[in-house]
PDB file of all heavy atoms in Angstrom:
ATOM      1  N   THR A   1      80.901  88.597  99.654  1.00  0.00           N
ATOM      2  CA  THR A   1      81.142  88.424 101.081  1.00  0.00           C
ATOM      3  C   THR A   1      79.974  87.689 101.725  1.00  0.00           C
ATOM      4  O   THR A   1      78.879  87.615 101.179  1.00  0.00           O
ATOM      5  CB  THR A   1      81.294  89.787 101.785  1.00  0.00           C
ATOM      6  OG1 THR A   1      80.054  90.489 101.738  1.00  0.00           O
ATOM      7  CG2 THR A   1      82.369  90.630 101.119  1.00  0.00           C
ATOM      8  N   ASN A   2      80.238  87.164 102.917  1.00  0.00           N
ATOM      9  CA  ASN A   2      79.166  86.637 103.754  1.00  0.00           C
ATOM     10  C   ASN A   2      78.455  87.792 104.453  1.00  0.00           C
ATOM     11  O   ASN A   2      79.045  88.864 104.658  1.00  0.00           O
ATOM     12  CB  ASN A   2      79.730  85.693 104.812  1.00  0.00           C
ATOM     13  CG  ASN A   2      79.792  84.253 104.335  1.00  0.00           C
ATOM     14  OD1 ASN A   2      79.222  83.888 103.323  1.00  0.00           O
ATOM     15  ND2 ASN A   2      80.495  83.412 105.091  1.00  0.00           N
ATOM     16  N   PRO A   3      77.216  87.594 104.875  1.00  0.00           N
ATOM     17  CA  PRO A   3      76.534  88.626 105.662  1.00  0.00           C
ATOM     18  C   PRO A   3      77.229  88.826 107.006  1.00  0.00           C
ATOM     19  O   PRO A   3      77.869  87.909 107.538  1.00  0.00           O
ATOM     20  CB  PRO A   3      75.130  88.059 105.870  1.00  0.00           C
ATOM     21  CG  PRO A   3      74.990  86.952 104.879  1.00  0.00           C
ATOM     22  CD  PRO A   3      76.357  86.430 104.629  1.00  0.00           C
ATOM     23  N   ILE A   4      77.118  90.029 107.552  1.00  0.00           N
ATOM     24  CA  ILE A   4      77.676  90.315 108.880  1.00  0.00           C
ATOM     25  C   ILE A   4      76.565  90.086 109.898  1.00  0.00           C
ATOM     26  O   ILE A   4      75.872  91.014 110.332  1.00  0.00           O
ATOM     27  CB  ILE A   4      78.220  91.755 108.957  1.00  0.00           C
ATOM     28  CG1 ILE A   4      79.163  92.034 107.789  1.00  0.00           C
ATOM     29  CG2 ILE A   4      78.961  91.974 110.280  1.00  0.00           C
ATOM     30  CD1 ILE A   4      79.628  93.482 107.705  1.00  0.00           C
ATOM     31  N   THR A   5      76.379  88.828 110.265  1.00  0.00           N
ATOM     32  CA  THR A   5      75.321  88.456 111.205  1.00  0.00           C
ATOM     33  C   THR A   5      75.858  87.421 112.176  1.00  0.00           C
ATOM     34  O   THR A   5      76.875  86.769 111.919  1.00  0.00           O
ATOM     35  CB  THR A   5      74.104  87.865 110.471  1.00  0.00           C
ATOM     36  OG1 THR A   5      74.525  86.740 109.682  1.00  0.00           O
ATOM     37  CG2 THR A   5      73.458  88.899 109.566  1.00  0.00           C
ATOM     38  N   ARG A   6      75.154  87.257 113.285  1.00  0.00           N
ATOM     39  CA  ARG A   6      75.510  86.228 114.256  1.00  0.00           C
ATOM     40  C   ARG A   6      74.735  84.941 113.954  1.00  0.00           C
ATOM     41  O   ARG A   6      73.959  84.881 113.030  1.00  0.00           O
ATOM     42  CB  ARG A   6      75.196  86.706 115.674  1.00  0.00           C
ATOM     43  CG  ARG A   6      76.192  87.724 116.216  1.00  0.00           C
ATOM     44  CD  ARG A   6      75.770  88.217 117.567  1.00  0.00           C
ATOM     45  NE  ARG A   6      76.773  89.112 118.151  1.00  0.00           N
ATOM     46  CZ  ARG A   6      76.512  90.002 119.087  1.00  0.00           C
ATOM     47  NH1 ARG A   6      75.271  90.124 119.565  1.00  0.00           N
ATOM     48  NH2 ARG A   6      77.472  90.777 119.573  1.00  0.00           N
ATOM     49  N   MET A   7      74.973  83.954 114.812  1.00  0.00           N
ATOM     50  CA  MET A   7      74.364  82.636 114.671  1.00  0.00           C
ATOM     51  C   MET A   7      74.755  82.066 113.310  1.00  0.00           C
ATOM     52  O   MET A   7      75.874  82.268 112.864  1.00  0.00           O
ATOM     53  CB  MET A   7      72.854  82.707 114.864  1.00  0.00           C
ATOM     54  CG  MET A   7      72.432  83.447 116.141  1.00  0.00           C
ATOM     55  SD  MET A   7      73.169  82.797 117.672  1.00  0.00           S
ATOM     56  CE  MET A   7      72.158  81.356 117.940  1.00  0.00           C
ATOM     57  N   LYS A   8      73.843  81.377 112.623  1.00  0.00           N
ATOM     58  CA  LYS A   8      74.178  80.879 111.288  1.00  0.00           C
ATOM     59  C   LYS A   8      73.784  81.907 110.234  1.00  0.00           C
ATOM     60  O   LYS A   8      72.680  82.448 110.259  1.00  0.00           O
ATOM     61  CB  LYS A   8      73.496  79.536 111.025  1.00  0.00           C
ATOM     62  CG  LYS A   8      74.183  78.376 111.719  1.00  0.00           C
ATOM     63  CD  LYS A   8      73.755  77.042 111.150  1.00  0.00           C
ATOM     64  CE  LYS A   8      74.582  75.911 111.770  1.00  0.00           C
ATOM     65  NZ  LYS A   8      74.160  74.582 111.267  1.00  0.00           N
ATOM     66  N   LYS A   9      74.719  82.167 109.327  1.00  0.00           N
ATOM     67  CA  LYS A   9      74.490  83.158 108.284  1.00  0.00           C
ATOM     68  C   LYS A   9      73.798  82.519 107.082  1.00  0.00           C
ATOM     69  O   LYS A   9      73.955  81.323 106.836  1.00  0.00           O
ATOM     70  CB  LYS A   9      75.828  83.743 107.822  1.00  0.00           C
ATOM     71  CG  LYS A   9      76.712  84.291 108.922  1.00  0.00           C
ATOM     72  CD  LYS A   9      78.038  84.752 108.352  1.00  0.00           C
ATOM     73  CE  LYS A   9      79.028  85.108 109.442  1.00  0.00           C
ATOM     74  NZ  LYS A   9      78.609  86.246 110.254  1.00  0.00           N
ATOM     75  N   GLU A  10      73.091  83.335 106.337  1.00  0.00           N
ATOM     76  CA  GLU A  10      72.647  82.864 105.038  1.00  0.00           C
ATOM     77  C   GLU A  10      73.894  82.709 104.172  1.00  0.00           C
ATOM     78  O   GLU A  10      74.689  83.644 104.059  1.00  0.00           O
ATOM     79  CB  GLU A  10      71.684  83.847 104.388  1.00  0.00           C
ATOM     80  CG  GLU A  10      71.143  83.319 103.073  1.00  0.00           C
ATOM     81  CD  GLU A  10      70.126  84.264 102.442  1.00  0.00           C
ATOM     82  OE1 GLU A  10      70.186  85.465 102.737  1.00  0.00           O
ATOM     83  OE2 GLU A  10      69.302  83.782 101.654  1.00  0.00           O
ATOM     84  N   PRO A  11      74.123  81.537 103.555  1.00  0.00           N
ATOM     85  CA  PRO A  11      75.402  81.252 102.887  1.00  0.00           C
ATOM     86  C   PRO A  11      75.496  81.872 101.494  1.00  0.00           C
ATOM     87  O   PRO A  11      75.611  81.164 100.492  1.00  0.00           O
ATOM     88  CB  PRO A  11      75.427  79.726 102.839  1.00  0.00           C
ATOM     89  CG  PRO A  11      73.985  79.354 102.707  1.00  0.00           C
ATOM     90  CD  PRO A  11      73.226  80.357 103.547  1.00  0.00           C
ATOM     91  N   THR A  12      75.464  83.186 101.427  1.00  0.00           N
ATOM     92  CA  THR A  12      75.468  83.851 100.125  1.00  0.00           C
ATOM     93  C   THR A  12      76.728  83.548  99.329  1.00  0.00           C
ATOM     94  O   THR A  12      76.669  83.331  98.113  1.00  0.00           O
ATOM     95  CB  THR A  12      75.315  85.367 100.299  1.00  0.00           C
ATOM     96  OG1 THR A  12      76.319  85.848 101.193  1.00  0.00           O
ATOM     97  CG2 THR A  12      73.957  85.705 100.877  1.00  0.00           C
ATOM     98  N   LEU A  13      77.860  83.522 100.021  1.00  0.00           N
ATOM     99  CA  LEU A  13      79.105  83.254  99.304  1.00  0.00           C
ATOM    100  C   LEU A  13      79.135  81.811  98.789  1.00  0.00           C
ATOM    101  O   LEU A  13      79.515  81.553  97.643  1.00  0.00           O
ATOM    102  CB  LEU A  13      80.308  83.525 100.221  1.00  0.00           C
ATOM    103  CG  LEU A  13      81.646  83.856  99.557  1.00  0.00           C
ATOM    104  CD1 LEU A  13      82.576  84.535 100.562  1.00  0.00           C
ATOM    105  CD2 LEU A  13      82.315  82.641  98.977  1.00  0.00           C
ATOM    106  N   LEU A  14      78.712  80.874  99.626  1.00  0.00           N
ATOM    107  CA  LEU A  14      78.640  79.474  99.192  1.00  0.00           C
ATOM    108  C   LEU A  14      77.707  79.325  97.998  1.00  0.00           C
ATOM    109  O   LEU A  14      78.030  78.618  97.031  1.00  0.00           O
ATOM    110  CB  LEU A  14      78.155  78.598 100.345  1.00  0.00           C
ATOM    111  CG  LEU A  14      77.887  77.126  99.993  1.00  0.00           C
ATOM    112  CD1 LEU A  14      79.187  76.401  99.692  1.00  0.00           C
ATOM    113  CD2 LEU A  14      77.124  76.422 101.117  1.00  0.00           C
ATOM    114  N   MET A  15      76.567  79.985  98.040  1.00  0.00           N
ATOM    115  CA  MET A  15      75.607  79.852  96.942  1.00  0.00           C
ATOM    116  C   MET A  15      76.169  80.401  95.638  1.00  0.00           C
ATOM    117  O   MET A  15      75.976  79.804  94.571  1.00  0.00           O
ATOM    118  CB  MET A  15      74.298  80.549  97.312  1.00  0.00           C
ATOM    119  CG  MET A  15      73.491  79.800  98.368  1.00  0.00           C
ATOM    120  SD  MET A  15      71.804  80.455  98.583  1.00  0.00           S
ATOM    121  CE  MET A  15      72.143  81.943  99.501  1.00  0.00           C
ATOM    122  N   GLU A  16      76.875  81.517  95.709  1.00  0.00           N
ATOM    123  CA  GLU A  16      77.477  82.071  94.491  1.00  0.00           C
ATOM    124  C   GLU A  16      78.551  81.125  93.949  1.00  0.00           C
ATOM    125  O   GLU A  16      78.648  80.898  92.737  1.00  0.00           O
ATOM    126  CB  GLU A  16      78.089  83.444  94.773  1.00  0.00           C
ATOM    127  CG  GLU A  16      77.082  84.535  95.116  1.00  0.00           C
ATOM    128  CD  GLU A  16      76.303  85.031  93.908  1.00  0.00           C
ATOM    129  OE1 GLU A  16      76.330  84.388  92.832  1.00  0.00           O
ATOM    130  OE2 GLU A  16      75.632  86.076  94.043  1.00  0.00           O
ATOM    131  N   LEU A  17      79.343  80.551  94.852  1.00  0.00           N
ATOM    132  CA  LEU A  17      80.399  79.645  94.423  1.00  0.00           C
ATOM    133  C   LEU A  17      79.810  78.381  93.799  1.00  0.00           C
ATOM    134  O   LEU A  17      80.253  77.927  92.726  1.00  0.00           O
ATOM    135  CB  LEU A  17      81.289  79.289  95.616  1.00  0.00           C
ATOM    136  CG  LEU A  17      82.582  78.532  95.301  1.00  0.00           C
ATOM    137  CD1 LEU A  17      83.490  79.352  94.399  1.00  0.00           C
ATOM    138  CD2 LEU A  17      83.311  78.169  96.594  1.00  0.00           C
ATOM    139  N   LEU A  18      78.808  77.792  94.434  1.00  0.00           N
ATOM    140  CA  LEU A  18      78.202  76.571  93.907  1.00  0.00           C
ATOM    141  C   LEU A  18      77.484  76.839  92.583  1.00  0.00           C
ATOM    142  O   LEU A  18      77.436  75.961  91.715  1.00  0.00           O
ATOM    143  CB  LEU A  18      77.225  75.985  94.922  1.00  0.00           C
ATOM    144  CG  LEU A  18      77.856  75.431  96.212  1.00  0.00           C
ATOM    145  CD1 LEU A  18      76.781  74.890  97.146  1.00  0.00           C
ATOM    146  CD2 LEU A  18      78.889  74.347  95.907  1.00  0.00           C
ATOM    147  N   SER A  19      76.940  78.040  92.424  1.00  0.00           N
ATOM    148  CA  SER A  19      76.299  78.364  91.142  1.00  0.00           C
ATOM    149  C   SER A  19      77.340  78.443  90.029  1.00  0.00           C
ATOM    150  O   SER A  19      77.063  78.050  88.890  1.00  0.00           O
ATOM    151  CB  SER A  19      75.525  79.677  91.246  1.00  0.00           C
ATOM    152  OG  SER A  19      76.392  80.794  91.306  1.00  0.00           O
ATOM    153  N   LEU A  20      78.529  78.941  90.355  1.00  0.00           N
ATOM    154  CA  LEU A  20      79.610  78.966  89.369  1.00  0.00           C
ATOM    155  C   LEU A  20      80.071  77.550  89.036  1.00  0.00           C
ATOM    156  O   LEU A  20      80.364  77.238  87.879  1.00  0.00           O
ATOM    157  CB  LEU A  20      80.783  79.798  89.892  1.00  0.00           C
ATOM    158  CG  LEU A  20      80.617  81.316  89.814  1.00  0.00           C
ATOM    159  CD1 LEU A  20      81.697  82.017  90.635  1.00  0.00           C
ATOM    160  CD2 LEU A  20      80.678  81.780  88.365  1.00  0.00           C
ATOM    161  N   PHE A  21      80.137  76.681  90.042  1.00  0.00           N
ATOM    162  CA  PHE A  21      80.495  75.280  89.795  1.00  0.00           C
ATOM    163  C   PHE A  21      79.501  74.641  88.827  1.00  0.00           C
ATOM    164  O   PHE A  21      79.876  73.923  87.905  1.00  0.00           O
ATOM    165  CB  PHE A  21      80.504  74.484  91.102  1.00  0.00           C
ATOM    166  CG  PHE A  21      81.634  74.813  92.047  1.00  0.00           C
ATOM    167  CD1 PHE A  21      81.725  74.210  93.285  1.00  0.00           C
ATOM    168  CD2 PHE A  21      82.616  75.739  91.699  1.00  0.00           C
ATOM    169  CE1 PHE A  21      82.761  74.497  94.157  1.00  0.00           C
ATOM    170  CE2 PHE A  21      83.664  76.037  92.568  1.00  0.00           C
ATOM    171  CZ  PHE A  21      83.726  75.411  93.802  1.00  0.00           C
ATOM    172  N   ALA A  22      78.213  74.886  89.051  1.00  0.00           N
ATOM    173  CA  ALA A  22      77.181  74.299  88.190  1.00  0.00           C
ATOM    174  C   ALA A  22      77.221  74.890  86.785  1.00  0.00           C
ATOM    175  O   ALA A  22      76.798  74.242  85.821  1.00  0.00           O
ATOM    176  CB  ALA A  22      75.799  74.524  88.817  1.00  0.00           C
ATOM    177  N   PHE A  23      77.723  76.112  86.675  1.00  0.00           N
ATOM    178  CA  PHE A  23      77.771  76.817  85.398  1.00  0.00           C
ATOM    179  C   PHE A  23      78.939  76.356  84.530  1.00  0.00           C
ATOM    180  O   PHE A  23      78.990  76.637  83.325  1.00  0.00           O
ATOM    181  CB  PHE A  23      77.891  78.322  85.662  1.00  0.00           C
ATOM    182  CG  PHE A  23      77.458  79.191  84.519  1.00  0.00           C
ATOM    183  CD1 PHE A  23      76.145  79.195  84.084  1.00  0.00           C
ATOM    184  CD2 PHE A  23      78.375  80.009  83.873  1.00  0.00           C
ATOM    185  CE1 PHE A  23      75.747  80.009  83.036  1.00  0.00           C
ATOM    186  CE2 PHE A  23      77.991  80.823  82.824  1.00  0.00           C
ATOM    187  CZ  PHE A  23      76.668  80.827  82.407  1.00  0.00           C
ATOM    188  N   ALA A  24      79.902  75.622  85.135  1.00  0.00           N
ATOM    189  CA  ALA A  24      81.108  75.191  84.409  1.00  0.00           C
ATOM    190  C   ALA A  24      80.738  74.305  83.223  1.00  0.00           C
ATOM    191  O   ALA A  24      79.914  73.394  83.340  1.00  0.00           O
ATOM    192  CB  ALA A  24      82.038  74.441  85.354  1.00  0.00           C
ATOM    193  N   GLN A  25      81.376  74.569  82.094  1.00  0.00           N
ATOM    194  CA  GLN A  25      81.140  73.810  80.870  1.00  0.00           C
ATOM    195  C   GLN A  25      82.307  72.908  80.500  1.00  0.00           C
ATOM    196  O   GLN A  25      82.109  71.820  79.947  1.00  0.00           O
ATOM    197  CB  GLN A  25      80.876  74.774  79.709  1.00  0.00           C
ATOM    198  CG  GLN A  25      79.697  75.711  79.932  1.00  0.00           C
ATOM    199  CD  GLN A  25      78.375  74.961  79.999  1.00  0.00           C
ATOM    200  OE1 GLN A  25      78.099  74.099  79.170  1.00  0.00           O
ATOM    201  NE2 GLN A  25      77.563  75.289  80.990  1.00  0.00           N
ATOM    202  N   ASP A  26      83.523  73.341  80.779  1.00  0.00           N
ATOM    203  CA  ASP A  26      84.710  72.612  80.310  1.00  0.00           C
ATOM    204  C   ASP A  26      85.607  72.108  81.430  1.00  0.00           C
ATOM    205  O   ASP A  26      86.152  71.007  81.347  1.00  0.00           O
ATOM    206  CB  ASP A  26      85.540  73.509  79.373  1.00  0.00           C
ATOM    207  CG  ASP A  26      84.746  73.960  78.166  1.00  0.00           C
ATOM    208  OD1 ASP A  26      84.129  73.092  77.515  1.00  0.00           O
ATOM    209  OD2 ASP A  26      84.726  75.167  77.878  1.00  0.00           O
ATOM    210  N   SER A  27      85.799  72.914  82.482  1.00  0.00           N
ATOM    211  CA  SER A  27      86.747  72.508  83.520  1.00  0.00           C
ATOM    212  C   SER A  27      86.412  73.187  84.839  1.00  0.00           C
ATOM    213  O   SER A  27      85.846  74.283  84.870  1.00  0.00           O
ATOM    214  CB  SER A  27      88.186  72.860  83.108  1.00  0.00           C
ATOM    215  OG  SER A  27      88.334  74.268  82.953  1.00  0.00           O
ATOM    216  N   LEU A  28      86.769  72.525  85.926  1.00  0.00           N
ATOM    217  CA  LEU A  28      86.582  73.060  87.264  1.00  0.00           C
ATOM    218  C   LEU A  28      87.765  72.615  88.121  1.00  0.00           C
ATOM    219  O   LEU A  28      87.978  71.427  88.332  1.00  0.00           O
ATOM    220  CB  LEU A  28      85.268  72.549  87.867  1.00  0.00           C
ATOM    221  CG  LEU A  28      84.976  72.930  89.327  1.00  0.00           C
ATOM    222  CD1 LEU A  28      84.986  74.432  89.510  1.00  0.00           C
ATOM    223  CD2 LEU A  28      83.635  72.330  89.763  1.00  0.00           C
ATOM    224  N   LEU A  29      88.552  73.587  88.594  1.00  0.00           N
ATOM    225  CA  LEU A  29      89.748  73.328  89.392  1.00  0.00           C
ATOM    226  C   LEU A  29      89.557  73.956  90.766  1.00  0.00           C
ATOM    227  O   LEU A  29      89.254  75.151  90.871  1.00  0.00           O
ATOM    228  CB  LEU A  29      90.984  73.910  88.697  1.00  0.00           C
ATOM    229  CG  LEU A  29      92.334  73.772  89.402  1.00  0.00           C
ATOM    230  CD1 LEU A  29      92.672  72.307  89.679  1.00  0.00           C
ATOM    231  CD2 LEU A  29      93.434  74.432  88.562  1.00  0.00           C
TER     232      LEU A  29
END
């Protein structure tokens, strides 16, 4: 989940998703 904060949040969910993208070895859909 994203943090429950106002203004701009630290993008924890985005960072986890992008780390999975970088971890891909064979395919990314």
